Full PDB file with SEQRES, HELIX, SHEET, SSBOND, CRYST1, ORIGX, SCALE, CONECT and MASTER records, all heavy atoms in Angstrom:
SEQRES   1 A   33  PHE VAL ALA ALA ILE SER TRP ASN GLY ALA GLU THR TYR          
SEQRES   2 A   33  TYR SER ASP SER ILE MET LYS CYS ARG VAL THR ILE SER          
SEQRES   3 A   33  ARG ASP ASN ALA GLU ASN THR                                  
SHEET    1 AA1 2 ALA A   3  ILE A   5  0                                        
SHEET    2 AA1 2 THR A  12  TYR A  14 -1                                        
CRYST1    1.000    1.000    1.000  90.00  90.00  90.00 P 1           1          
ORIGX1      1.000000  0.000000  0.000000        0.00000                         
ORIGX2      0.000000  1.000000  0.000000        0.00000                         
ORIGX3      0.000000  0.000000  1.000000        0.00000                         
SCALE1      1.000000  0.000000  0.000000        0.00000                         
SCALE2      0.000000  1.000000  0.000000        0.00000                         
SCALE3      0.000000  0.000000  1.000000        0.00000                         
ATOM      1  N   PHE A   1      -4.011  10.524  -4.656  1.00  0.00           N  
ATOM      2  CA  PHE A   1      -3.274   9.292  -4.388  1.00  0.00           C  
ATOM      3  C   PHE A   1      -3.049   9.113  -2.897  1.00  0.00           C  
ATOM      4  O   PHE A   1      -2.657  10.049  -2.201  1.00  0.00           O  
ATOM      5  CB  PHE A   1      -1.932   9.316  -5.115  1.00  0.00           C  
ATOM      6  CG  PHE A   1      -1.045   8.162  -4.767  1.00  0.00           C  
ATOM      7  CD1 PHE A   1      -1.283   6.899  -5.285  1.00  0.00           C  
ATOM      8  CD2 PHE A   1       0.034   8.333  -3.914  1.00  0.00           C  
ATOM      9  CE1 PHE A   1      -0.469   5.829  -4.966  1.00  0.00           C  
ATOM     10  CE2 PHE A   1       0.859   7.275  -3.587  1.00  0.00           C  
ATOM     11  CZ  PHE A   1       0.602   6.017  -4.114  1.00  0.00           C  
ATOM     12  N   VAL A   2      -3.270   7.904  -2.420  1.00  0.00           N  
ATOM     13  CA  VAL A   2      -3.066   7.595  -1.016  1.00  0.00           C  
ATOM     14  C   VAL A   2      -1.891   6.638  -0.828  1.00  0.00           C  
ATOM     15  O   VAL A   2      -0.954   6.921  -0.082  1.00  0.00           O  
ATOM     16  CB  VAL A   2      -4.330   6.988  -0.375  1.00  0.00           C  
ATOM     17  CG1 VAL A   2      -4.066   6.610   1.077  1.00  0.00           C  
ATOM     18  CG2 VAL A   2      -5.485   7.968  -0.477  1.00  0.00           C  
ATOM     19  N   ALA A   3      -1.934   5.501  -1.510  1.00  0.00           N  
ATOM     20  CA  ALA A   3      -0.888   4.492  -1.337  1.00  0.00           C  
ATOM     21  C   ALA A   3      -0.915   3.504  -2.487  1.00  0.00           C  
ATOM     22  O   ALA A   3      -1.920   3.363  -3.183  1.00  0.00           O  
ATOM     23  CB  ALA A   3      -1.070   3.753  -0.006  1.00  0.00           C  
ATOM     24  N   ALA A   4       0.197   2.814  -2.672  1.00  0.00           N  
ATOM     25  CA  ALA A   4       0.289   1.773  -3.686  1.00  0.00           C  
ATOM     26  C   ALA A   4       1.148   0.635  -3.168  1.00  0.00           C  
ATOM     27  O   ALA A   4       1.972   0.815  -2.268  1.00  0.00           O  
ATOM     28  CB  ALA A   4       0.876   2.325  -4.982  1.00  0.00           C  
ATOM     29  N   ILE A   5       0.967  -0.528  -3.749  1.00  0.00           N  
ATOM     30  CA  ILE A   5       1.708  -1.710  -3.338  1.00  0.00           C  
ATOM     31  C   ILE A   5       2.072  -2.529  -4.558  1.00  0.00           C  
ATOM     32  O   ILE A   5       1.289  -2.642  -5.504  1.00  0.00           O  
ATOM     33  CB  ILE A   5       0.891  -2.541  -2.315  1.00  0.00           C  
ATOM     34  CG1 ILE A   5       1.739  -3.666  -1.729  1.00  0.00           C  
ATOM     35  CG2 ILE A   5      -0.388  -3.076  -2.958  1.00  0.00           C  
ATOM     36  CD1 ILE A   5       1.097  -4.314  -0.504  1.00  0.00           C  
ATOM     37  N   SER A   6       3.271  -3.099  -4.551  1.00  0.00           N  
ATOM     38  CA  SER A   6       3.742  -3.889  -5.678  1.00  0.00           C  
ATOM     39  C   SER A   6       2.966  -5.191  -5.796  1.00  0.00           C  
ATOM     40  O   SER A   6       2.216  -5.576  -4.893  1.00  0.00           O  
ATOM     41  CB  SER A   6       5.237  -4.173  -5.545  1.00  0.00           C  
ATOM     42  OG  SER A   6       5.512  -4.946  -4.384  1.00  0.00           O  
ATOM     43  N   TRP A   7       3.196  -5.878  -6.896  1.00  0.00           N  
ATOM     44  CA  TRP A   7       2.416  -7.076  -7.191  1.00  0.00           C  
ATOM     45  C   TRP A   7       2.539  -8.159  -6.129  1.00  0.00           C  
ATOM     46  O   TRP A   7       1.586  -8.912  -5.887  1.00  0.00           O  
ATOM     47  CB  TRP A   7       2.831  -7.648  -8.547  1.00  0.00           C  
ATOM     48  CG  TRP A   7       4.208  -8.266  -8.530  1.00  0.00           C  
ATOM     49  CD1 TRP A   7       5.394  -7.630  -8.726  1.00  0.00           C  
ATOM     50  CD2 TRP A   7       4.518  -9.644  -8.302  1.00  0.00           C  
ATOM     51  NE1 TRP A   7       6.443  -8.524  -8.630  1.00  0.00           N  
ATOM     52  CE2 TRP A   7       5.927  -9.766  -8.373  1.00  0.00           C  
ATOM     53  CE3 TRP A   7       3.752 -10.775  -8.053  1.00  0.00           C  
ATOM     54  CZ2 TRP A   7       6.578 -10.985  -8.191  1.00  0.00           C  
ATOM     55  CZ3 TRP A   7       4.400 -11.995  -7.876  1.00  0.00           C  
ATOM     56  CH2 TRP A   7       5.796 -12.089  -7.946  1.00  0.00           C  
ATOM     57  N   ASN A   8       3.699  -8.244  -5.496  1.00  0.00           N  
ATOM     58  CA  ASN A   8       3.929  -9.280  -4.495  1.00  0.00           C  
ATOM     59  C   ASN A   8       3.913  -8.746  -3.068  1.00  0.00           C  
ATOM     60  O   ASN A   8       4.190  -9.493  -2.130  1.00  0.00           O  
ATOM     61  CB  ASN A   8       5.248  -9.994  -4.762  1.00  0.00           C  
ATOM     62  CG  ASN A   8       6.444  -9.067  -4.692  1.00  0.00           C  
ATOM     63  OD1 ASN A   8       6.302  -7.852  -4.543  1.00  0.00           O  
ATOM     64  ND2 ASN A   8       7.632  -9.634  -4.806  1.00  0.00           N  
ATOM     65  N   GLY A   9       3.610  -7.475  -2.921  1.00  0.00           N  
ATOM     66  CA  GLY A   9       3.547  -6.882  -1.600  1.00  0.00           C  
ATOM     67  C   GLY A   9       4.882  -6.507  -1.005  1.00  0.00           C  
ATOM     68  O   GLY A   9       4.935  -6.045   0.146  1.00  0.00           O  
ATOM     69  N   ALA A  10       5.961  -6.681  -1.752  1.00  0.00           N  
ATOM     70  CA  ALA A  10       7.287  -6.405  -1.230  1.00  0.00           C  
ATOM     71  C   ALA A  10       7.603  -4.920  -1.138  1.00  0.00           C  
ATOM     72  O   ALA A  10       8.449  -4.516  -0.345  1.00  0.00           O  
ATOM     73  CB  ALA A  10       8.347  -7.097  -2.084  1.00  0.00           C  
ATOM     74  N   GLU A  11       6.962  -4.125  -1.952  1.00  0.00           N  
ATOM     75  CA  GLU A  11       7.210  -2.695  -1.975  1.00  0.00           C  
ATOM     76  C   GLU A  11       5.913  -1.934  -1.755  1.00  0.00           C  
ATOM     77  O   GLU A  11       4.860  -2.321  -2.263  1.00  0.00           O  
ATOM     78  CB  GLU A  11       7.824  -2.259  -3.305  1.00  0.00           C  
ATOM     79  CG  GLU A  11       9.149  -2.910  -3.639  1.00  0.00           C  
ATOM     80  CD  GLU A  11       9.642  -2.504  -5.007  1.00  0.00           C  
ATOM     81  OE1 GLU A  11      10.239  -1.421  -5.130  1.00  0.00           O  
ATOM     82  OE2 GLU A  11       9.409  -3.273  -5.961  1.00  0.00           O  
ATOM     83  N   THR A  12       6.025  -0.858  -1.029  1.00  0.00           N  
ATOM     84  CA  THR A  12       4.885   0.022  -0.817  1.00  0.00           C  
ATOM     85  C   THR A  12       5.302   1.464  -1.015  1.00  0.00           C  
ATOM     86  O   THR A  12       6.474   1.811  -0.863  1.00  0.00           O  
ATOM     87  CB  THR A  12       4.295  -0.138   0.596  1.00  0.00           C  
ATOM     88  OG1 THR A  12       5.308   0.127   1.574  1.00  0.00           O  
ATOM     89  CG2 THR A  12       3.761  -1.546   0.801  1.00  0.00           C  
ATOM     90  N   TYR A  13       4.343   2.290  -1.346  1.00  0.00           N  
ATOM     91  CA  TYR A  13       4.600   3.707  -1.525  1.00  0.00           C  
ATOM     92  C   TYR A  13       3.398   4.479  -1.012  1.00  0.00           C  
ATOM     93  O   TYR A  13       2.250   4.112  -1.269  1.00  0.00           O  
ATOM     94  CB  TYR A  13       4.864   4.053  -2.991  1.00  0.00           C  
ATOM     95  CG  TYR A  13       5.078   5.522  -3.205  1.00  0.00           C  
ATOM     96  CD1 TYR A  13       6.276   6.124  -2.844  1.00  0.00           C  
ATOM     97  CD2 TYR A  13       4.071   6.330  -3.732  1.00  0.00           C  
ATOM     98  CE1 TYR A  13       6.474   7.478  -3.003  1.00  0.00           C  
ATOM     99  CE2 TYR A  13       4.260   7.684  -3.894  1.00  0.00           C  
ATOM    100  CZ  TYR A  13       5.467   8.255  -3.527  1.00  0.00           C  
ATOM    101  OH  TYR A  13       5.654   9.607  -3.685  1.00  0.00           O  
ATOM    102  N   TYR A  14       3.684   5.582  -0.325  1.00  0.00           N  
ATOM    103  CA  TYR A  14       2.630   6.390   0.257  1.00  0.00           C  
ATOM    104  C   TYR A  14       2.726   7.837  -0.195  1.00  0.00           C  
ATOM    105  O   TYR A  14       3.819   8.350  -0.450  1.00  0.00           O  
ATOM    106  CB  TYR A  14       2.699   6.341   1.785  1.00  0.00           C  
ATOM    107  CG  TYR A  14       2.531   4.951   2.342  1.00  0.00           C  
ATOM    108  CD1 TYR A  14       3.629   4.143   2.603  1.00  0.00           C  
ATOM    109  CD2 TYR A  14       1.260   4.436   2.588  1.00  0.00           C  
ATOM    110  CE1 TYR A  14       3.470   2.859   3.103  1.00  0.00           C  
ATOM    111  CE2 TYR A  14       1.096   3.158   3.085  1.00  0.00           C  
ATOM    112  CZ  TYR A  14       2.202   2.371   3.340  1.00  0.00           C  
ATOM    113  OH  TYR A  14       2.047   1.098   3.835  1.00  0.00           O  
ATOM    114  N   SER A  15       1.597   8.472  -0.265  1.00  0.00           N  
ATOM    115  CA  SER A  15       1.568   9.890  -0.566  1.00  0.00           C  
ATOM    116  C   SER A  15       2.361  10.660   0.479  1.00  0.00           C  
ATOM    117  O   SER A  15       2.331  10.319   1.670  1.00  0.00           O  
ATOM    118  CB  SER A  15       0.121  10.398  -0.600  1.00  0.00           C  
ATOM    119  OG  SER A  15       0.079  11.808  -0.648  1.00  0.00           O  
ATOM    120  N   ASP A  16       3.049  11.699   0.028  1.00  0.00           N  
ATOM    121  CA  ASP A  16       3.825  12.517   0.951  1.00  0.00           C  
ATOM    122  C   ASP A  16       2.960  13.420   1.814  1.00  0.00           C  
ATOM    123  O   ASP A  16       3.404  13.892   2.860  1.00  0.00           O  
ATOM    124  CB  ASP A  16       4.827  13.381   0.182  1.00  0.00           C  
ATOM    125  CG  ASP A  16       5.973  12.589  -0.387  1.00  0.00           C  
ATOM    126  OD1 ASP A  16       6.292  11.512   0.163  1.00  0.00           O  
ATOM    127  OD2 ASP A  16       6.565  13.039  -1.387  1.00  0.00           O  
ATOM    128  N   SER A  17       1.760  13.676   1.375  1.00  0.00           N  
ATOM    129  CA  SER A  17       0.960  14.698   2.042  1.00  0.00           C  
ATOM    130  C   SER A  17      -0.454  14.304   2.429  1.00  0.00           C  
ATOM    131  O   SER A  17      -1.022  14.887   3.352  1.00  0.00           O  
ATOM    132  CB  SER A  17       0.890  15.950   1.159  1.00  0.00           C  
ATOM    133  OG  SER A  17       0.301  15.654  -0.099  1.00  0.00           O  
ATOM    134  N   ILE A  18      -1.032  13.360   1.761  1.00  0.00           N  
ATOM    135  CA  ILE A  18      -2.442  13.065   1.984  1.00  0.00           C  
ATOM    136  C   ILE A  18      -2.694  12.381   3.318  1.00  0.00           C  
ATOM    137  O   ILE A  18      -3.376  12.919   4.198  1.00  0.00           O  
ATOM    138  CB  ILE A  18      -3.040  12.235   0.837  1.00  0.00           C  
ATOM    139  CG1 ILE A  18      -2.861  12.987  -0.490  1.00  0.00           C  
ATOM    140  CG2 ILE A  18      -4.516  11.966   1.089  1.00  0.00           C  
ATOM    141  CD1 ILE A  18      -3.510  14.359  -0.511  1.00  0.00           C  
ATOM    142  N   MET A  19      -2.159  11.190   3.487  1.00  0.00           N  
ATOM    143  CA  MET A  19      -2.387  10.453   4.731  1.00  0.00           C  
ATOM    144  C   MET A  19      -1.129   9.742   5.214  1.00  0.00           C  
ATOM    145  O   MET A  19      -1.207   8.715   5.888  1.00  0.00           O  
ATOM    146  CB  MET A  19      -3.513   9.427   4.555  1.00  0.00           C  
ATOM    147  CG  MET A  19      -4.870  10.011   4.215  1.00  0.00           C  
ATOM    148  SD  MET A  19      -6.171   8.755   4.066  1.00  0.00           S  
ATOM    149  CE  MET A  19      -6.419   8.333   5.795  1.00  0.00           C  
ATOM    150  N   LYS A  20       0.013  10.304   4.885  1.00  0.00           N  
ATOM    151  CA  LYS A  20       1.275   9.678   5.256  1.00  0.00           C  
ATOM    152  C   LYS A  20       1.376   9.485   6.764  1.00  0.00           C  
ATOM    153  O   LYS A  20       1.029  10.367   7.534  1.00  0.00           O  
ATOM    154  CB  LYS A  20       2.447  10.521   4.756  1.00  0.00           C  
ATOM    155  CG  LYS A  20       3.791   9.833   4.907  1.00  0.00           C  
ATOM    156  CD  LYS A  20       4.903  10.614   4.243  1.00  0.00           C  
ATOM    157  CE  LYS A  20       6.227   9.876   4.327  1.00  0.00           C  
ATOM    158  NZ  LYS A  20       7.309  10.617   3.631  1.00  0.00           N  
ATOM    159  N   CYS A  21       1.851   8.318   7.148  1.00  0.00           N  
ATOM    160  CA  CYS A  21       2.009   7.922   8.545  1.00  0.00           C  
ATOM    161  C   CYS A  21       0.689   7.581   9.213  1.00  0.00           C  
ATOM    162  O   CYS A  21       0.661   7.258  10.406  1.00  0.00           O  
ATOM    163  CB  CYS A  21       2.753   8.980   9.360  1.00  0.00           C  
ATOM    164  SG  CYS A  21       4.408   9.346   8.769  1.00  0.00           S  
ATOM    165  N   ARG A  22      -0.379   7.656   8.463  1.00  0.00           N  
ATOM    166  CA  ARG A  22      -1.681   7.307   9.017  1.00  0.00           C  
ATOM    167  C   ARG A  22      -2.338   6.164   8.257  1.00  0.00           C  
ATOM    168  O   ARG A  22      -3.490   5.832   8.536  1.00  0.00           O  
ATOM    169  CB  ARG A  22      -2.603   8.520   9.048  1.00  0.00           C  
ATOM    170  CG  ARG A  22      -2.109   9.638   9.952  1.00  0.00           C  
ATOM    171  CD  ARG A  22      -3.199  10.661  10.252  1.00  0.00           C  
ATOM    172  NE  ARG A  22      -3.606  11.389   9.058  1.00  0.00           N  
ATOM    173  CZ  ARG A  22      -4.821  11.335   8.527  1.00  0.00           C  
ATOM    174  NH1 ARG A  22      -5.752  10.566   9.073  1.00  0.00           N  
ATOM    175  NH2 ARG A  22      -5.114  12.050   7.450  1.00  0.00           N  
ATOM    176  N   VAL A  23      -1.626   5.584   7.305  1.00  0.00           N  
ATOM    177  CA  VAL A  23      -2.165   4.462   6.544  1.00  0.00           C  
ATOM    178  C   VAL A  23      -1.097   3.407   6.331  1.00  0.00           C  
ATOM    179  O   VAL A  23       0.100   3.698   6.280  1.00  0.00           O  
ATOM    180  CB  VAL A  23      -2.729   4.898   5.173  1.00  0.00           C  
ATOM    181  CG1 VAL A  23      -3.960   5.765   5.346  1.00  0.00           C  
ATOM    182  CG2 VAL A  23      -1.666   5.629   4.368  1.00  0.00           C  
ATOM    183  N   THR A  24      -1.540   2.173   6.201  1.00  0.00           N  
ATOM    184  CA  THR A  24      -0.669   1.068   5.853  1.00  0.00           C  
ATOM    185  C   THR A  24      -1.361   0.236   4.780  1.00  0.00           C  
ATOM    186  O   THR A  24      -2.490  -0.216   4.981  1.00  0.00           O  
ATOM    187  CB  THR A  24      -0.361   0.180   7.062  1.00  0.00           C  
ATOM    188  OG1 THR A  24       0.310   0.939   8.067  1.00  0.00           O  
ATOM    189  CG2 THR A  24       0.539  -0.983   6.650  1.00  0.00           C  
ATOM    190  N   ILE A  25      -0.694   0.063   3.663  1.00  0.00           N  
ATOM    191  CA  ILE A  25      -1.244  -0.748   2.594  1.00  0.00           C  
ATOM    192  C   ILE A  25      -0.617  -2.133   2.641  1.00  0.00           C  
ATOM    193  O   ILE A  25       0.568  -2.291   2.930  1.00  0.00           O  
ATOM    194  CB  ILE A  25      -1.026  -0.082   1.219  1.00  0.00           C  
ATOM    195  CG1 ILE A  25      -1.804  -0.832   0.125  1.00  0.00           C  
ATOM    196  CG2 ILE A  25       0.453   0.005   0.879  1.00  0.00           C  
ATOM    197  CD1 ILE A  25      -1.821  -0.100  -1.213  1.00  0.00           C  
ATOM    198  N   SER A  26      -1.409  -3.137   2.369  1.00  0.00           N  
ATOM    199  CA  SER A  26      -0.931  -4.512   2.359  1.00  0.00           C  
ATOM    200  C   SER A  26      -1.779  -5.320   1.388  1.00  0.00           C  
ATOM    201  O   SER A  26      -2.809  -4.843   0.899  1.00  0.00           O  
ATOM    202  CB  SER A  26      -0.981  -5.122   3.763  1.00  0.00           C  
ATOM    203  OG  SER A  26      -2.309  -5.152   4.254  1.00  0.00           O  
ATOM    204  N   ARG A  27      -1.334  -6.532   1.107  1.00  0.00           N  
ATOM    205  CA  ARG A  27      -2.129  -7.379   0.227  1.00  0.00           C  
ATOM    206  C   ARG A  27      -1.952  -8.839   0.578  1.00  0.00           C  
ATOM    207  O   ARG A  27      -0.929  -9.260   1.123  1.00  0.00           O  
ATOM    208  CB  ARG A  27      -1.775  -7.121  -1.244  1.00  0.00           C  
ATOM    209  CG  ARG A  27      -0.403  -7.603  -1.684  1.00  0.00           C  
ATOM    210  CD  ARG A  27      -0.074  -7.116  -3.102  1.00  0.00           C  
ATOM    211  NE  ARG A  27      -1.069  -7.563  -4.076  1.00  0.00           N  
ATOM    212  CZ  ARG A  27      -1.213  -7.061  -5.305  1.00  0.00           C  
ATOM    213  NH1 ARG A  27      -0.423  -6.052  -5.693  1.00  0.00           N  
ATOM    214  NH2 ARG A  27      -2.137  -7.541  -6.127  1.00  0.00           N  
ATOM    215  N   ASP A  28      -2.959  -9.606   0.239  1.00  0.00           N  
ATOM    216  CA  ASP A  28      -2.962 -11.044   0.431  1.00  0.00           C  
ATOM    217  C   ASP A  28      -3.348 -11.643  -0.907  1.00  0.00           C  
ATOM    218  O   ASP A  28      -4.529 -11.712  -1.249  1.00  0.00           O  
ATOM    219  CB  ASP A  28      -3.949 -11.442   1.522  1.00  0.00           C  
ATOM    220  CG  ASP A  28      -3.928 -12.925   1.827  1.00  0.00           C  
ATOM    221  OD1 ASP A  28      -3.357 -13.700   1.033  1.00  0.00           O  
ATOM    222  OD2 ASP A  28      -4.480 -13.318   2.866  1.00  0.00           O  
ATOM    223  N   ASN A  29      -2.353 -12.050  -1.659  1.00  0.00           N  
ATOM    224  CA  ASN A  29      -2.618 -12.546  -3.006  1.00  0.00           C  
ATOM    225  C   ASN A  29      -3.391 -13.862  -3.016  1.00  0.00           C  
ATOM    226  O   ASN A  29      -4.078 -14.168  -3.991  1.00  0.00           O  
ATOM    227  CB  ASN A  29      -1.309 -12.700  -3.777  1.00  0.00           C  
ATOM    228  CG  ASN A  29      -0.732 -11.369  -4.216  1.00  0.00           C  
ATOM    229  OD1 ASN A  29      -1.389 -10.333  -4.093  1.00  0.00           O  
ATOM    230  ND2 ASN A  29       0.488 -11.386  -4.720  1.00  0.00           N  
ATOM    231  N   ALA A  30      -3.269 -14.631  -1.949  1.00  0.00           N  
ATOM    232  CA  ALA A  30      -4.039 -15.864  -1.858  1.00  0.00           C  
ATOM    233  C   ALA A  30      -5.532 -15.565  -1.820  1.00  0.00           C  
ATOM    234  O   ALA A  30      -6.348 -16.383  -2.251  1.00  0.00           O  
ATOM    235  CB  ALA A  30      -3.628 -16.664  -0.634  1.00  0.00           C  
ATOM    236  N   GLU A  31      -5.873 -14.403  -1.296  1.00  0.00           N  
ATOM    237  CA  GLU A  31      -7.264 -13.983  -1.225  1.00  0.00           C  
ATOM    238  C   GLU A  31      -7.601 -12.938  -2.278  1.00  0.00           C  
ATOM    239  O   GLU A  31      -8.734 -12.448  -2.312  1.00  0.00           O  
ATOM    240  CB  GLU A  31      -7.576 -13.433   0.164  1.00  0.00           C  
ATOM    241  CG  GLU A  31      -7.421 -14.455   1.282  1.00  0.00           C  
ATOM    242  CD  GLU A  31      -8.452 -15.552   1.204  1.00  0.00           C  
ATOM    243  OE1 GLU A  31      -9.570 -15.292   0.725  1.00  0.00           O  
ATOM    244  OE2 GLU A  31      -8.150 -16.690   1.619  1.00  0.00           O  
ATOM    245  N   ASN A  32      -6.627 -12.585  -3.106  1.00  0.00           N  
ATOM    246  CA  ASN A  32      -6.821 -11.573  -4.143  1.00  0.00           C  
ATOM    247  C   ASN A  32      -7.352 -10.271  -3.556  1.00  0.00           C  
ATOM    248  O   ASN A  32      -8.246  -9.634  -4.126  1.00  0.00           O  
ATOM    249  CB  ASN A  32      -7.765 -12.084  -5.233  1.00  0.00           C  
ATOM    250  CG  ASN A  32      -7.217 -13.286  -5.961  1.00  0.00           C  
ATOM    251  OD1 ASN A  32      -6.073 -13.274  -6.411  1.00  0.00           O  
ATOM    252  ND2 ASN A  32      -8.018 -14.326  -6.084  1.00  0.00           N  
ATOM    253  N   THR A  33      -6.788  -9.893  -2.443  1.00  0.00           N  
ATOM    254  CA  THR A  33      -7.302  -8.745  -1.715  1.00  0.00           C  
ATOM    255  C   THR A  33      -6.187  -7.785  -1.318  1.00  0.00           C  
ATOM    256  O   THR A  33      -5.119  -8.213  -0.888  1.00  0.00           O  
ATOM    257  CB  THR A  33      -8.061  -9.189  -0.461  1.00  0.00           C  
ATOM    258  OG1 THR A  33      -9.120 -10.074  -0.839  1.00  0.00           O  
ATOM    259  CG2 THR A  33      -8.658  -8.000   0.268  1.00  0.00           C  
TER     260      THR A  33                                                      
MASTER        0    0    0    0    2    0    0    6  259    1    0    3          
END                                                                             
């Protein structure tokens, strides 16, 4: 597991050990991406 993001992008969660502080997850629902 690396990261996860809620359906609306309001919440994010990152792995404690894999790539924490080195990744940022985001989403653009208008682009379904």
